[in-house]
Amino acid sequence: MHLKKSLLSVASLCALGTAHAQSSVTLYGIADAFVGQKTTGVGAAKVKRSVVDSDGLANSRWGLKGSEDLGAGLKAEFQLESLFDITTGAVTQVVTAPAATSPQYFSSQAWVGLAGALGSLRLGRQVTPFHSFVGLTNNLYDATAFATTGTAWNLGNLPNYFGRFDNVVSYETPNFSGLSAKLAYGFGEDKTATNAASKNKSLNIKYASGPLVVGYSFQQQGGIVSLRPIKYNMLGGAYDFGVARVVAAYNTASRDNVRDKEWQLGVSVPFGAASIAVGYGRSLGEVNGAPGVDGLGVALLGTYDMSKRTRLYTGWRKAQAENATGSKTAETATWGVGAIHRF
């Protein structure tokens, strides 16, 4: 009798261990801060501020992600990710489509889905496929405060793209020898008696193998009230030569008779644990075929890896906008020295 009870106890422990082995939850995050100076404004309106700021290389965040093995090669997945300002402790938001009507605690990501041999299906707030592909091909390692792309492309006639959509269903294909695709559709859910829902679409098709990444990405953001949707079309790529990694992308943003032609270039060179990167971003605006507002950005970044998870950095970025007559309408500059730690 005692032997039978012992065997049952051992079997129960084994079953419990197997259940734990089939599911997992991970706590992770990024802590990033820098000290430096920010300059905004033109002419007499120019203001310089000394700052201790968050998000030099990446948005500070914490998150939970996990999966459960459902058998037959299928698993359930989820991810919850919240952004914060490490210098104040405040929860931070990112621009979203449709526009948020209240604070979003998990403003970076909040989704649940299934994944298997046929790909993955996710429901919830998600990073858009367009934004994901920009991150793979952006200059200065896609550094939040120093990469030129988001600033220069936002200074044209049309705003820069949104990196997150709410109310999304997405599907990502399996990897076919380096080739893959991802599609996302946001229902908007902001329809009223007088306005249609701001439906949002995004996709990327990319080839990634060894040192090469190349692909195409598209995004359409629903109109705000009476405005028609903005469409973005981007071709981008990156190649790692070993002694240097080169990135480049060309994008168009268009709404009716307004159009921005945008591009960016970047080179990063490693020196053991250190690296140096340079970046350039440009936006040329057109309205009814005539010159519009132009944006320009240049940047430098140096990094040093203290460990696999901790990196020191120093960066500088300057950007400006000019109207059709050549008059400067906006100018920003940021420099700083900081550290980023991933946990």
C-alpha atoms as a PDB file:
ATOM      1  CA  MET A   1       0.000   0.000   0.000  1.00  0.00           C
ATOM      2  CA  HIS A   2       2.812   2.413   0.969  1.00  0.00           C
ATOM      3  CA  LEU A   3       4.666   1.463  -2.215  1.00  0.00           C
ATOM      4  CA  LYS A   4       1.561   2.221  -4.291  1.00  0.00           C
ATOM      5  CA  LYS A   5       1.176   5.661  -2.654  1.00  0.00           C
ATOM      6  CA  SER A   6       4.854   6.419  -3.235  1.00  0.00           C
ATOM      7  CA  LEU A   7       4.602   5.511  -6.906  1.00  0.00           C
ATOM      8  CA  LEU A   8       1.514   7.695  -7.270  1.00  0.00           C
ATOM      9  CA  SER A   9       3.334  10.614  -5.622  1.00  0.00           C
ATOM     10  CA  VAL A  10       6.318  10.246  -7.969  1.00  0.00           C
ATOM     11  CA  ALA A  11       3.973  10.073 -10.980  1.00  0.00           C
ATOM     12  CA  SER A  12       2.179  13.231  -9.841  1.00  0.00           C
ATOM     13  CA  LEU A  13       5.476  15.122  -9.476  1.00  0.00           C
ATOM     14  CA  CYS A  14       6.595  13.982 -12.926  1.00  0.00           C
ATOM     15  CA  ALA A  15       3.313  15.123 -14.438  1.00  0.00           C
ATOM     16  CA  LEU A  16       3.636  18.506 -12.711  1.00  0.00           C
ATOM     17  CA  GLY A  17       7.203  18.887 -13.994  1.00  0.00           C
ATOM     18  CA  THR A  18       6.066  18.056 -17.523  1.00  0.00           C
ATOM     19  CA  ALA A  19       3.299  20.664 -17.343  1.00  0.00           C
ATOM     20  CA  HIS A  20       5.788  23.333 -16.268  1.00  0.00           C
ATOM     21  CA  ALA A  21       8.181  22.321 -19.049  1.00  0.00           C
ATOM     22  CA  GLN A  22       5.425  22.819 -21.627  1.00  0.00           C
ATOM     23  CA  SER A  23       4.690  26.428 -20.661  1.00  0.00           C
ATOM     24  CA  SER A  24       6.794  29.457 -19.728  1.00  0.00           C
ATOM     25  CA  VAL A  25       6.489  33.135 -18.802  1.00  0.00           C
ATOM     26  CA  THR A  26       9.406  35.576 -19.073  1.00  0.00           C
ATOM     27  CA  LEU A  27       9.839  38.972 -17.423  1.00  0.00           C
ATOM     28  CA  TYR A  28      12.116  41.214 -19.494  1.00  0.00           C
ATOM     29  CA  GLY A  29      12.891  44.866 -20.068  1.00  0.00           C
ATOM     30  CA  ILE A  30      15.161  47.732 -21.102  1.00  0.00           C
ATOM     31  CA  ALA A  31      16.474  50.584 -18.940  1.00  0.00           C
ATOM     32  CA  ASP A  32      17.947  53.440 -21.009  1.00  0.00           C
ATOM     33  CA  ALA A  33      18.920  56.984 -19.962  1.00  0.00           C
ATOM     34  CA  PHE A  34      21.320  59.710 -21.081  1.00  0.00           C
ATOM     35  CA  VAL A  35      22.531  63.150 -19.950  1.00  0.00           C
ATOM     36  CA  GLY A  36      23.005  65.873 -22.540  1.00  0.00           C
ATOM     37  CA  GLN A  37      21.418  68.835 -24.276  1.00  0.00           C
ATOM     38  CA  LYS A  38      18.403  69.401 -26.555  1.00  0.00           C
ATOM     39  CA  THR A  39      17.856  72.401 -28.828  1.00  0.00           C
ATOM     40  CA  THR A  40      14.541  73.281 -30.473  1.00  0.00           C
ATOM     41  CA  GLY A  41      13.220  76.286 -32.398  1.00  0.00           C
ATOM     42  CA  VAL A  42      14.431  78.688 -35.055  1.00  0.00           C
ATOM     43  CA  GLY A  43      16.008  82.140 -34.670  1.00  0.00           C
ATOM     44  CA  ALA A  44      14.861  84.091 -31.628  1.00  0.00           C
ATOM     45  CA  ALA A  45      12.609  81.168 -30.622  1.00  0.00           C
ATOM     46  CA  LYS A  46      15.555  78.772 -30.258  1.00  0.00           C
ATOM     47  CA  VAL A  47      15.782  77.149 -26.817  1.00  0.00           C
ATOM     48  CA  LYS A  48      18.606  75.004 -25.384  1.00  0.00           C
ATOM     49  CA  ARG A  49      17.896  72.694 -22.462  1.00  0.00           C
ATOM     50  CA  SER A  50      20.204  70.522 -20.397  1.00  0.00           C
ATOM     51  CA  VAL A  51      18.492  67.182 -19.812  1.00  0.00           C
ATOM     52  CA  VAL A  52      18.642  63.828 -18.149  1.00  0.00           C
ATOM     53  CA  ASP A  53      16.428  62.000 -20.603  1.00  0.00           C
ATOM     54  CA  SER A  54      15.031  58.539 -21.259  1.00  0.00           C
ATOM     55  CA  ASP A  55      15.294  56.423 -24.413  1.00  0.00           C
ATOM     56  CA  GLY A  56      18.622  57.162 -26.096  1.00  0.00           C
ATOM     57  CA  LEU A  57      19.090  53.884 -27.978  1.00  0.00           C
ATOM     58  CA  ALA A  58      15.724  52.270 -27.237  1.00  0.00           C
ATOM     59  CA  ASN A  59      12.462  52.943 -25.411  1.00  0.00           C
ATOM     60  CA  SER A  60      12.704  52.012 -21.744  1.00  0.00           C
ATOM     61  CA  ARG A  61      10.162  49.257 -21.113  1.00  0.00           C
ATOM     62  CA  TRP A  62       9.189  46.195 -19.178  1.00  0.00           C
ATOM     63  CA  GLY A  63       7.139  43.287 -20.361  1.00  0.00           C
ATOM     64  CA  LEU A  64       5.815  39.771 -19.921  1.00  0.00           C
ATOM     65  CA  LYS A  65       5.783  37.162 -22.662  1.00  0.00           C
ATOM     66  CA  GLY A  66       5.001  33.497 -22.610  1.00  0.00           C
ATOM     67  CA  SER A  67       3.922  30.413 -24.467  1.00  0.00           C
ATOM     68  CA  GLU A  68       2.214  27.076 -23.861  1.00  0.00           C
ATOM     69  CA  ASP A  69       2.778  23.912 -25.870  1.00  0.00           C
ATOM     70  CA  LEU A  70      -0.608  22.704 -27.094  1.00  0.00           C
ATOM     71  CA  GLY A  71       0.752  19.627 -28.863  1.00  0.00           C
ATOM     72  CA  ALA A  72       0.953  18.692 -32.544  1.00  0.00           C
ATOM     73  CA  GLY A  73       3.421  21.531 -33.149  1.00  0.00           C
ATOM     74  CA  LEU A  74       0.950  24.216 -32.001  1.00  0.00           C
ATOM     75  CA  LYS A  75       1.496  26.676 -29.164  1.00  0.00           C
ATOM     76  CA  ALA A  76      -0.359  29.568 -27.550  1.00  0.00           C
ATOM     77  CA  GLU A  77       1.553  32.844 -27.112  1.00  0.00           C
ATOM     78  CA  PHE A  78       1.058  36.248 -25.487  1.00  0.00           C
ATOM     79  CA  GLN A  79       3.000  39.468 -24.935  1.00  0.00           C
ATOM     80  CA  LEU A  80       2.323  42.508 -22.741  1.00  0.00           C
ATOM     81  CA  GLU A  81       4.789  45.422 -22.991  1.00  0.00           C
ATOM     82  CA  SER A  82       4.665  48.765 -21.174  1.00  0.00           C
ATOM     83  CA  LEU A  83       6.829  51.827 -21.924  1.00  0.00           C
ATOM     84  CA  PHE A  84       8.074  54.200 -19.234  1.00  0.00           C
ATOM     85  CA  ASP A  85      10.242  57.278 -18.749  1.00  0.00           C
ATOM     86  CA  ILE A  86      13.133  56.098 -16.639  1.00  0.00           C
ATOM     87  CA  THR A  87      13.921  59.658 -15.488  1.00  0.00           C
ATOM     88  CA  THR A  88      10.482  60.207 -13.920  1.00  0.00           C
ATOM     89  CA  GLY A  89       8.953  56.742 -13.627  1.00  0.00           C
ATOM     90  CA  ALA A  90       5.919  57.867 -15.645  1.00  0.00           C
ATOM     91  CA  VAL A  91       4.196  55.525 -18.096  1.00  0.00           C
ATOM     92  CA  THR A  92       4.812  56.797 -21.633  1.00  0.00           C
ATOM     93  CA  GLN A  93       2.685  56.529 -24.763  1.00  0.00           C
ATOM     94  CA  VAL A  94       3.483  56.035 -28.435  1.00  0.00           C
ATOM     95  CA  VAL A  95       1.424  57.493 -31.266  1.00  0.00           C
ATOM     96  CA  THR A  96      -1.150  54.992 -32.420  1.00  0.00           C
ATOM     97  CA  ALA A  97      -3.856  54.461 -35.010  1.00  0.00           C
ATOM     98  CA  PRO A  98      -6.620  55.087 -34.216  1.00  0.00           C
ATOM     99  CA  ALA A  99      -5.672  57.835 -31.739  1.00  0.00           C
ATOM    100  CA  ALA A 100      -5.861  56.724 -28.118  1.00  0.00           C
ATOM    101  CA  THR A 101      -8.779  58.144 -26.146  1.00  0.00           C
ATOM    102  CA  SER A 102      -7.300  57.202 -22.761  1.00  0.00           C
ATOM    103  CA  PRO A 103      -3.859  56.291 -21.323  1.00  0.00           C
ATOM    104  CA  GLN A 104      -2.603  52.920 -22.539  1.00  0.00           C
ATOM    105  CA  TYR A 105      -0.714  51.013 -19.864  1.00  0.00           C
ATOM    106  CA  PHE A 106       0.645  48.481 -22.378  1.00  0.00           C
ATOM    107  CA  SER A 107       1.143  51.088 -25.108  1.00  0.00           C
ATOM    108  CA  SER A 108       3.925  49.129 -26.813  1.00  0.00           C
ATOM    109  CA  GLN A 109       2.236  45.739 -27.268  1.00  0.00           C
ATOM    110  CA  ALA A 110      -0.656  43.691 -25.897  1.00  0.00           C
ATOM    111  CA  TRP A 111      -1.654  40.589 -27.846  1.00  0.00           C
ATOM    112  CA  VAL A 112      -2.484  36.885 -27.693  1.00  0.00           C
ATOM    113  CA  GLY A 113      -2.160  34.325 -30.473  1.00  0.00           C
ATOM    114  CA  LEU A 114      -1.380  30.893 -31.851  1.00  0.00           C
ATOM    115  CA  ALA A 115       1.764  29.735 -33.669  1.00  0.00           C
ATOM    116  CA  GLY A 116       2.616  26.548 -35.520  1.00  0.00           C
ATOM    117  CA  ALA A 117       4.017  25.068 -38.710  1.00  0.00           C
ATOM    118  CA  LEU A 118       1.678  27.221 -40.829  1.00  0.00           C
ATOM    119  CA  GLY A 119       2.775  30.513 -39.234  1.00  0.00           C
ATOM    120  CA  SER A 120       1.455  32.692 -36.421  1.00  0.00           C
ATOM    121  CA  LEU A 121      -1.866  34.472 -35.854  1.00  0.00           C
ATOM    122  CA  ARG A 122      -2.132  37.301 -33.302  1.00  0.00           C
ATOM    123  CA  LEU A 123      -4.950  39.464 -31.942  1.00  0.00           C
ATOM    124  CA  GLY A 124      -4.556  42.768 -30.083  1.00  0.00           C
ATOM    125  CA  ARG A 125      -2.387  45.896 -30.053  1.00  0.00           C
ATOM    126  CA  GLN A 126       0.742  45.243 -32.089  1.00  0.00           C
ATOM    127  CA  VAL A 127       3.879  46.718 -33.655  1.00  0.00           C
ATOM    128  CA  THR A 128       3.074  47.162 -37.347  1.00  0.00           C
ATOM    129  CA  PRO A 129       4.918  45.057 -39.950  1.00  0.00           C
ATOM    130  CA  PHE A 130       6.019  48.329 -41.590  1.00  0.00           C
ATOM    131  CA  HIS A 131       7.687  49.507 -38.378  1.00  0.00           C
ATOM    132  CA  SER A 132       9.314  46.114 -37.819  1.00  0.00           C
ATOM    133  CA  PHE A 133      10.961  46.290 -41.237  1.00  0.00           C
ATOM    134  CA  VAL A 134      12.119  49.881 -40.701  1.00  0.00           C
ATOM    135  CA  GLY A 135      13.895  48.684 -37.556  1.00  0.00           C
ATOM    136  CA  LEU A 136      15.864  46.104 -39.550  1.00  0.00           C
ATOM    137  CA  THR A 137      17.153  48.636 -42.092  1.00  0.00           C
ATOM    138  CA  ASN A 138      17.373  51.915 -40.136  1.00  0.00           C
ATOM    139  CA  ASN A 139      20.564  53.882 -39.536  1.00  0.00           C
ATOM    140  CA  LEU A 140      22.268  54.166 -36.131  1.00  0.00           C
ATOM    141  CA  TYR A 141      20.854  50.766 -35.085  1.00  0.00           C
ATOM    142  CA  ASP A 142      17.355  52.321 -35.061  1.00  0.00           C
ATOM    143  CA  ALA A 143      18.350  54.409 -32.005  1.00  0.00           C
ATOM    144  CA  THR A 144      15.288  56.171 -30.573  1.00  0.00           C
ATOM    145  CA  ALA A 145      16.883  59.565 -29.853  1.00  0.00           C
ATOM    146  CA  PHE A 146      19.569  59.627 -32.543  1.00  0.00           C
ATOM    147  CA  ALA A 147      18.503  57.804 -35.744  1.00  0.00           C
ATOM    148  CA  THR A 148      17.687  60.435 -38.378  1.00  0.00           C
ATOM    149  CA  THR A 149      14.747  58.670 -40.016  1.00  0.00           C
ATOM    150  CA  GLY A 150      11.887  59.374 -37.623  1.00  0.00           C
ATOM    151  CA  THR A 151      12.855  63.052 -37.299  1.00  0.00           C
ATOM    152  CA  ALA A 152      13.671  63.887 -40.923  1.00  0.00           C
ATOM    153  CA  TRP A 153      10.683  61.964 -42.307  1.00  0.00           C
ATOM    154  CA  ASN A 154       8.390  63.726 -39.825  1.00  0.00           C
ATOM    155  CA  LEU A 155       9.448  67.201 -41.026  1.00  0.00           C
ATOM    156  CA  GLY A 156       7.939  66.903 -44.516  1.00  0.00           C
ATOM    157  CA  ASN A 157       4.378  67.724 -45.558  1.00  0.00           C
ATOM    158  CA  LEU A 158       3.005  64.510 -44.056  1.00  0.00           C
ATOM    159  CA  PRO A 159       3.644  62.994 -40.607  1.00  0.00           C
ATOM    160  CA  ASN A 160       5.852  59.975 -40.109  1.00  0.00           C
ATOM    161  CA  TYR A 161       4.112  56.590 -39.983  1.00  0.00           C
ATOM    162  CA  PHE A 162       2.594  55.135 -36.800  1.00  0.00           C
ATOM    163  CA  GLY A 163       4.497  52.213 -35.284  1.00  0.00           C
ATOM    164  CA  ARG A 164       1.526  50.565 -33.535  1.00  0.00           C
ATOM    165  CA  PHE A 165      -2.058  49.728 -34.429  1.00  0.00           C
ATOM    166  CA  ASP A 166      -4.931  48.930 -32.076  1.00  0.00           C
ATOM    167  CA  ASN A 167      -7.614  46.264 -32.645  1.00  0.00           C
ATOM    168  CA  VAL A 168      -5.378  44.266 -34.975  1.00  0.00           C
ATOM    169  CA  VAL A 169      -5.426  40.777 -36.429  1.00  0.00           C
ATOM    170  CA  SER A 170      -2.048  39.795 -37.923  1.00  0.00           C
ATOM    171  CA  TYR A 171      -0.595  36.786 -39.696  1.00  0.00           C
ATOM    172  CA  GLU A 172       3.090  35.961 -40.217  1.00  0.00           C
ATOM    173  CA  THR A 173       4.194  33.212 -42.579  1.00  0.00           C
ATOM    174  CA  PRO A 174       6.797  30.584 -41.742  1.00  0.00           C
ATOM    175  CA  ASN A 175      10.354  31.266 -42.879  1.00  0.00           C
ATOM    176  CA  PHE A 176      10.915  29.748 -46.323  1.00  0.00           C
ATOM    177  CA  SER A 177      14.725  29.615 -46.642  1.00  0.00           C
ATOM    178  CA  GLY A 178      15.004  33.265 -45.578  1.00  0.00           C
ATOM    179  CA  LEU A 179      11.815  34.535 -47.234  1.00  0.00           C
ATOM    180  CA  SER A 180       8.887  35.574 -45.043  1.00  0.00           C
ATOM    181  CA  ALA A 181       5.938  37.957 -44.921  1.00  0.00           C
ATOM    182  CA  LYS A 182       3.681  39.527 -42.306  1.00  0.00           C
ATOM    183  CA  LEU A 183       0.262  41.193 -42.708  1.00  0.00           C
ATOM    184  CA  ALA A 184      -1.771  43.197 -40.194  1.00  0.00           C
ATOM    185  CA  TYR A 185      -5.254  44.686 -40.351  1.00  0.00           C
ATOM    186  CA  GLY A 186      -6.685  47.073 -37.774  1.00  0.00           C
ATOM    187  CA  PHE A 187     -10.474  47.443 -37.653  1.00  0.00           C
ATOM    188  CA  GLY A 188     -10.338  50.939 -36.172  1.00  0.00           C
ATOM    189  CA  GLU A 189     -13.584  50.557 -34.239  1.00  0.00           C
ATOM    190  CA  ASP A 190     -13.972  54.372 -34.105  1.00  0.00           C
ATOM    191  CA  LYS A 191     -16.923  54.567 -36.485  1.00  0.00           C
ATOM    192  CA  THR A 192     -19.582  57.159 -35.710  1.00  0.00           C
ATOM    193  CA  ALA A 193     -22.885  58.175 -37.294  1.00  0.00           C
ATOM    194  CA  THR A 194     -21.020  60.665 -39.515  1.00  0.00           C
ATOM    195  CA  ASN A 195     -17.532  59.159 -39.925  1.00  0.00           C
ATOM    196  CA  ALA A 196     -16.290  55.794 -41.189  1.00  0.00           C
ATOM    197  CA  ALA A 197     -13.919  53.660 -39.103  1.00  0.00           C
ATOM    198  CA  SER A 198     -10.204  54.468 -39.553  1.00  0.00           C
ATOM    199  CA  LYS A 199      -9.180  51.072 -40.881  1.00  0.00           C
ATOM    200  CA  ASN A 200      -5.414  50.435 -40.901  1.00  0.00           C
ATOM    201  CA  LYS A 201      -3.320  48.062 -43.005  1.00  0.00           C
ATOM    202  CA  SER A 202       0.357  47.100 -42.915  1.00  0.00           C
ATOM    203  CA  LEU A 203       2.585  44.423 -44.413  1.00  0.00           C
ATOM    204  CA  ASN A 204       6.189  43.502 -45.115  1.00  0.00           C
ATOM    205  CA  ILE A 205       7.830  40.992 -47.416  1.00  0.00           C
ATOM    206  CA  LYS A 206      11.488  40.366 -46.686  1.00  0.00           C
ATOM    207  CA  TYR A 207      14.428  38.117 -47.421  1.00  0.00           C
ATOM    208  CA  ALA A 208      16.935  37.696 -44.597  1.00  0.00           C
ATOM    209  CA  SER A 209      19.862  35.305 -44.891  1.00  0.00           C
ATOM    210  CA  GLY A 210      23.348  35.656 -43.446  1.00  0.00           C
ATOM    211  CA  PRO A 211      24.593  39.241 -43.858  1.00  0.00           C
ATOM    212  CA  LEU A 212      21.742  40.304 -46.187  1.00  0.00           C
ATOM    213  CA  VAL A 213      18.319  41.769 -45.411  1.00  0.00           C
ATOM    214  CA  VAL A 214      16.177  43.185 -48.222  1.00  0.00           C
ATOM    215  CA  GLY A 215      12.462  43.740 -48.711  1.00  0.00           C
ATOM    216  CA  TYR A 216       9.361  45.840 -49.257  1.00  0.00           C
ATOM    217  CA  SER A 217       6.893  47.255 -46.747  1.00  0.00           C
ATOM    218  CA  PHE A 218       3.504  48.986 -47.061  1.00  0.00           C
ATOM    219  CA  GLN A 219       1.258  50.795 -44.607  1.00  0.00           C
ATOM    220  CA  GLN A 220      -2.066  52.601 -44.876  1.00  0.00           C
ATOM    221  CA  GLN A 221      -3.309  54.644 -41.940  1.00  0.00           C
ATOM    222  CA  GLY A 222      -6.988  55.472 -41.749  1.00  0.00           C
ATOM    223  CA  GLY A 223      -8.087  59.089 -42.147  1.00  0.00           C
ATOM    224  CA  ILE A 224      -8.671  61.285 -39.119  1.00  0.00           C
ATOM    225  CA  VAL A 225     -12.238  62.693 -39.268  1.00  0.00           C
ATOM    226  CA  SER A 226     -12.496  64.155 -42.804  1.00  0.00           C
ATOM    227  CA  LEU A 227      -8.896  63.410 -43.879  1.00  0.00           C
ATOM    228  CA  ARG A 228      -8.219  60.595 -46.307  1.00  0.00           C
ATOM    229  CA  PRO A 229      -5.749  57.773 -45.445  1.00  0.00           C
ATOM    230  CA  ILE A 230      -1.976  58.187 -45.772  1.00  0.00           C
ATOM    231  CA  LYS A 231      -0.141  55.486 -47.723  1.00  0.00           C
ATOM    232  CA  TYR A 232       3.516  54.551 -47.179  1.00  0.00           C
ATOM    233  CA  ASN A 233       5.588  52.391 -49.556  1.00  0.00           C
ATOM    234  CA  MET A 234       9.163  51.517 -48.638  1.00  0.00           C
ATOM    235  CA  LEU A 235      12.024  49.532 -50.167  1.00  0.00           C
ATOM    236  CA  GLY A 236      14.926  48.836 -47.836  1.00  0.00           C
ATOM    237  CA  GLY A 237      17.939  46.673 -47.247  1.00  0.00           C
ATOM    238  CA  ALA A 238      21.062  46.076 -45.193  1.00  0.00           C
ATOM    239  CA  TYR A 239      24.305  44.204 -45.781  1.00  0.00           C
ATOM    240  CA  ASP A 240      26.973  43.329 -43.245  1.00  0.00           C
ATOM    241  CA  PHE A 241      30.424  43.266 -44.866  1.00  0.00           C
ATOM    242  CA  GLY A 242      32.090  42.317 -41.579  1.00  0.00           C
ATOM    243  CA  VAL A 243      34.242  45.446 -41.448  1.00  0.00           C
ATOM    244  CA  ALA A 244      31.104  47.592 -41.846  1.00  0.00           C
ATOM    245  CA  ARG A 245      27.310  47.270 -42.080  1.00  0.00           C
ATOM    246  CA  VAL A 246      25.463  49.418 -44.628  1.00  0.00           C
ATOM    247  CA  VAL A 247      21.726  50.199 -44.484  1.00  0.00           C
ATOM    248  CA  ALA A 248      19.483  52.124 -46.893  1.00  0.00           C
ATOM    249  CA  ALA A 249      15.792  52.709 -47.543  1.00  0.00           C
ATOM    250  CA  TYR A 250      13.533  54.706 -49.863  1.00  0.00           C
ATOM    251  CA  ASN A 251       9.976  55.569 -48.871  1.00  0.00           C
ATOM    252  CA  THR A 252       7.051  57.544 -50.256  1.00  0.00           C
ATOM    253  CA  ALA A 253       4.250  59.001 -48.141  1.00  0.00           C
ATOM    254  CA  SER A 254       1.166  60.206 -50.007  1.00  0.00           C
ATOM    255  CA  ARG A 255      -2.318  61.563 -49.373  1.00  0.00           C
ATOM    256  CA  ASP A 256      -4.292  62.866 -52.354  1.00  0.00           C
ATOM    257  CA  ASN A 257      -2.182  65.625 -53.982  1.00  0.00           C
ATOM    258  CA  VAL A 258       0.425  65.738 -51.195  1.00  0.00           C
ATOM    259  CA  ARG A 259       3.531  63.561 -51.447  1.00  0.00           C
ATOM    260  CA  ASP A 260       6.847  63.138 -49.608  1.00  0.00           C
ATOM    261  CA  LYS A 261       9.803  61.329 -51.150  1.00  0.00           C
ATOM    262  CA  GLU A 262      12.014  60.063 -48.328  1.00  0.00           C
ATOM    263  CA  TRP A 263      15.237  58.123 -47.967  1.00  0.00           C
ATOM    264  CA  GLN A 264      17.900  57.300 -45.417  1.00  0.00           C
ATOM    265  CA  LEU A 265      21.451  55.898 -45.431  1.00  0.00           C
ATOM    266  CA  GLY A 266      23.680  54.602 -42.670  1.00  0.00           C
ATOM    267  CA  VAL A 267      27.039  52.935 -42.037  1.00  0.00           C
ATOM    268  CA  SER A 268      28.218  51.302 -38.816  1.00  0.00           C
ATOM    269  CA  VAL A 269      31.781  50.105 -38.186  1.00  0.00           C
ATOM    270  CA  PRO A 270      32.672  47.752 -35.278  1.00  0.00           C
ATOM    271  CA  PHE A 271      35.977  47.891 -33.379  1.00  0.00           C
ATOM    272  CA  GLY A 272      35.862  44.907 -31.046  1.00  0.00           C
ATOM    273  CA  ALA A 273      33.510  45.899 -28.214  1.00  0.00           C
ATOM    274  CA  ALA A 274      33.128  49.420 -29.653  1.00  0.00           C
ATOM    275  CA  SER A 275      31.408  50.756 -32.776  1.00  0.00           C
ATOM    276  CA  ILE A 276      30.860  54.000 -34.666  1.00  0.00           C
ATOM    277  CA  ALA A 277      27.808  54.749 -36.814  1.00  0.00           C
ATOM    278  CA  VAL A 278      26.764  57.624 -39.082  1.00  0.00           C
ATOM    279  CA  GLY A 279      23.308  58.327 -40.495  1.00  0.00           C
ATOM    280  CA  TYR A 280      21.599  60.602 -43.008  1.00  0.00           C
ATOM    281  CA  GLY A 281      17.877  61.146 -43.587  1.00  0.00           C
ATOM    282  CA  ARG A 282      16.019  63.237 -46.187  1.00  0.00           C
ATOM    283  CA  SER A 283      12.437  64.149 -47.052  1.00  0.00           C
ATOM    284  CA  LEU A 284      11.394  66.108 -50.166  1.00  0.00           C
ATOM    285  CA  GLY A 285       7.809  67.343 -50.178  1.00  0.00           C
ATOM    286  CA  GLU A 286       5.472  68.036 -53.073  1.00  0.00           C
ATOM    287  CA  VAL A 287       2.022  69.647 -53.172  1.00  0.00           C
ATOM    288  CA  ASN A 288       0.185  69.461 -56.503  1.00  0.00           C
ATOM    289  CA  GLY A 289       3.535  68.674 -58.132  1.00  0.00           C
ATOM    290  CA  ALA A 290       5.179  71.838 -56.758  1.00  0.00           C
ATOM    291  CA  PRO A 291       7.905  71.923 -54.070  1.00  0.00           C
ATOM    292  CA  GLY A 292       6.652  71.640 -50.502  1.00  0.00           C
ATOM    293  CA  VAL A 293       8.348  71.269 -47.108  1.00  0.00           C
ATOM    294  CA  ASP A 294      11.722  69.456 -47.024  1.00  0.00           C
ATOM    295  CA  GLY A 295      13.320  67.698 -44.056  1.00  0.00           C
ATOM    296  CA  LEU A 296      16.984  66.838 -43.426  1.00  0.00           C
ATOM    297  CA  GLY A 297      18.779  64.986 -40.632  1.00  0.00           C
ATOM    298  CA  VAL A 298      22.386  63.930 -39.886  1.00  0.00           C
ATOM    299  CA  ALA A 299      23.665  61.934 -36.920  1.00  0.00           C
ATOM    300  CA  LEU A 300      26.673  60.249 -35.273  1.00  0.00           C
ATOM    301  CA  LEU A 301      26.719  57.520 -32.634  1.00  0.00           C
ATOM    302  CA  GLY A 302      29.462  55.721 -30.718  1.00  0.00           C
ATOM    303  CA  THR A 303      28.881  52.666 -28.510  1.00  0.00           C
ATOM    304  CA  TYR A 304      30.909  50.463 -26.168  1.00  0.00           C
ATOM    305  CA  ASP A 305      29.703  47.100 -24.846  1.00  0.00           C
ATOM    306  CA  MET A 306      30.475  46.608 -21.158  1.00  0.00           C
ATOM    307  CA  SER A 307      28.832  43.173 -21.346  1.00  0.00           C
ATOM    308  CA  LYS A 308      26.241  41.315 -23.398  1.00  0.00           C
ATOM    309  CA  ARG A 309      23.478  43.271 -21.693  1.00  0.00           C
ATOM    310  CA  THR A 310      25.018  46.675 -20.853  1.00  0.00           C
ATOM    311  CA  ARG A 311      26.153  49.247 -23.425  1.00  0.00           C
ATOM    312  CA  LEU A 312      27.538  52.768 -23.057  1.00  0.00           C
ATOM    313  CA  TYR A 313      26.899  55.287 -25.828  1.00  0.00           C
ATOM    314  CA  THR A 314      27.313  58.866 -26.983  1.00  0.00           C
ATOM    315  CA  GLY A 315      25.299  60.370 -29.807  1.00  0.00           C
ATOM    316  CA  TRP A 316      24.506  63.549 -31.734  1.00  0.00           C
ATOM    317  CA  ARG A 317      21.694  64.339 -34.167  1.00  0.00           C
ATOM    318  CA  LYS A 318      20.665  67.516 -35.954  1.00  0.00           C
ATOM    319  CA  ALA A 319      17.574  67.990 -38.129  1.00  0.00           C
ATOM    320  CA  GLN A 320      15.857  70.882 -39.870  1.00  0.00           C
ATOM    321  CA  ALA A 321      12.956  71.698 -42.187  1.00  0.00           C
ATOM    322  CA  GLU A 322      12.666  74.257 -44.995  1.00  0.00           C
ATOM    323  CA  ASN A 323       9.615  75.479 -46.885  1.00  0.00           C
ATOM    324  CA  ALA A 324       9.338  75.958 -50.672  1.00  0.00           C
ATOM    325  CA  THR A 325      11.027  79.372 -50.490  1.00  0.00           C
ATOM    326  CA  GLY A 326      14.072  77.964 -48.664  1.00  0.00           C
ATOM    327  CA  SER A 327      13.193  79.492 -45.291  1.00  0.00           C
ATOM    328  CA  LYS A 328      14.001  77.367 -42.261  1.00  0.00           C
ATOM    329  CA  THR A 329      10.775  76.457 -40.446  1.00  0.00           C
ATOM    330  CA  ALA A 330      12.016  73.987 -37.798  1.00  0.00           C
ATOM    331  CA  GLU A 331      15.293  72.879 -36.250  1.00  0.00           C
ATOM    332  CA  THR A 332      16.201  70.360 -33.553  1.00  0.00           C
ATOM    333  CA  ALA A 333      19.474  69.067 -32.132  1.00  0.00           C
ATOM    334  CA  THR A 334      20.221  66.411 -29.524  1.00  0.00           C
ATOM    335  CA  TRP A 335      23.467  65.200 -28.015  1.00  0.00           C
ATOM    336  CA  GLY A 336      24.061  62.993 -25.035  1.00  0.00           C
ATOM    337  CA  VAL A 337      26.053  60.363 -23.167  1.00  0.00           C
ATOM    338  CA  GLY A 338      24.205  57.423 -21.677  1.00  0.00           C
ATOM    339  CA  ALA A 339      23.822  53.754 -20.878  1.00  0.00           C
ATOM    340  CA  ILE A 340      21.366  51.036 -21.784  1.00  0.00           C
ATOM    341  CA  HIS A 341      20.833  47.800 -19.845  1.00  0.00           C
ATOM    342  CA  ARG A 342      18.685  44.883 -21.018  1.00  0.00           C
ATOM    343  CA  PHE A 343      17.269  42.400 -18.513  1.00  0.00           C
END
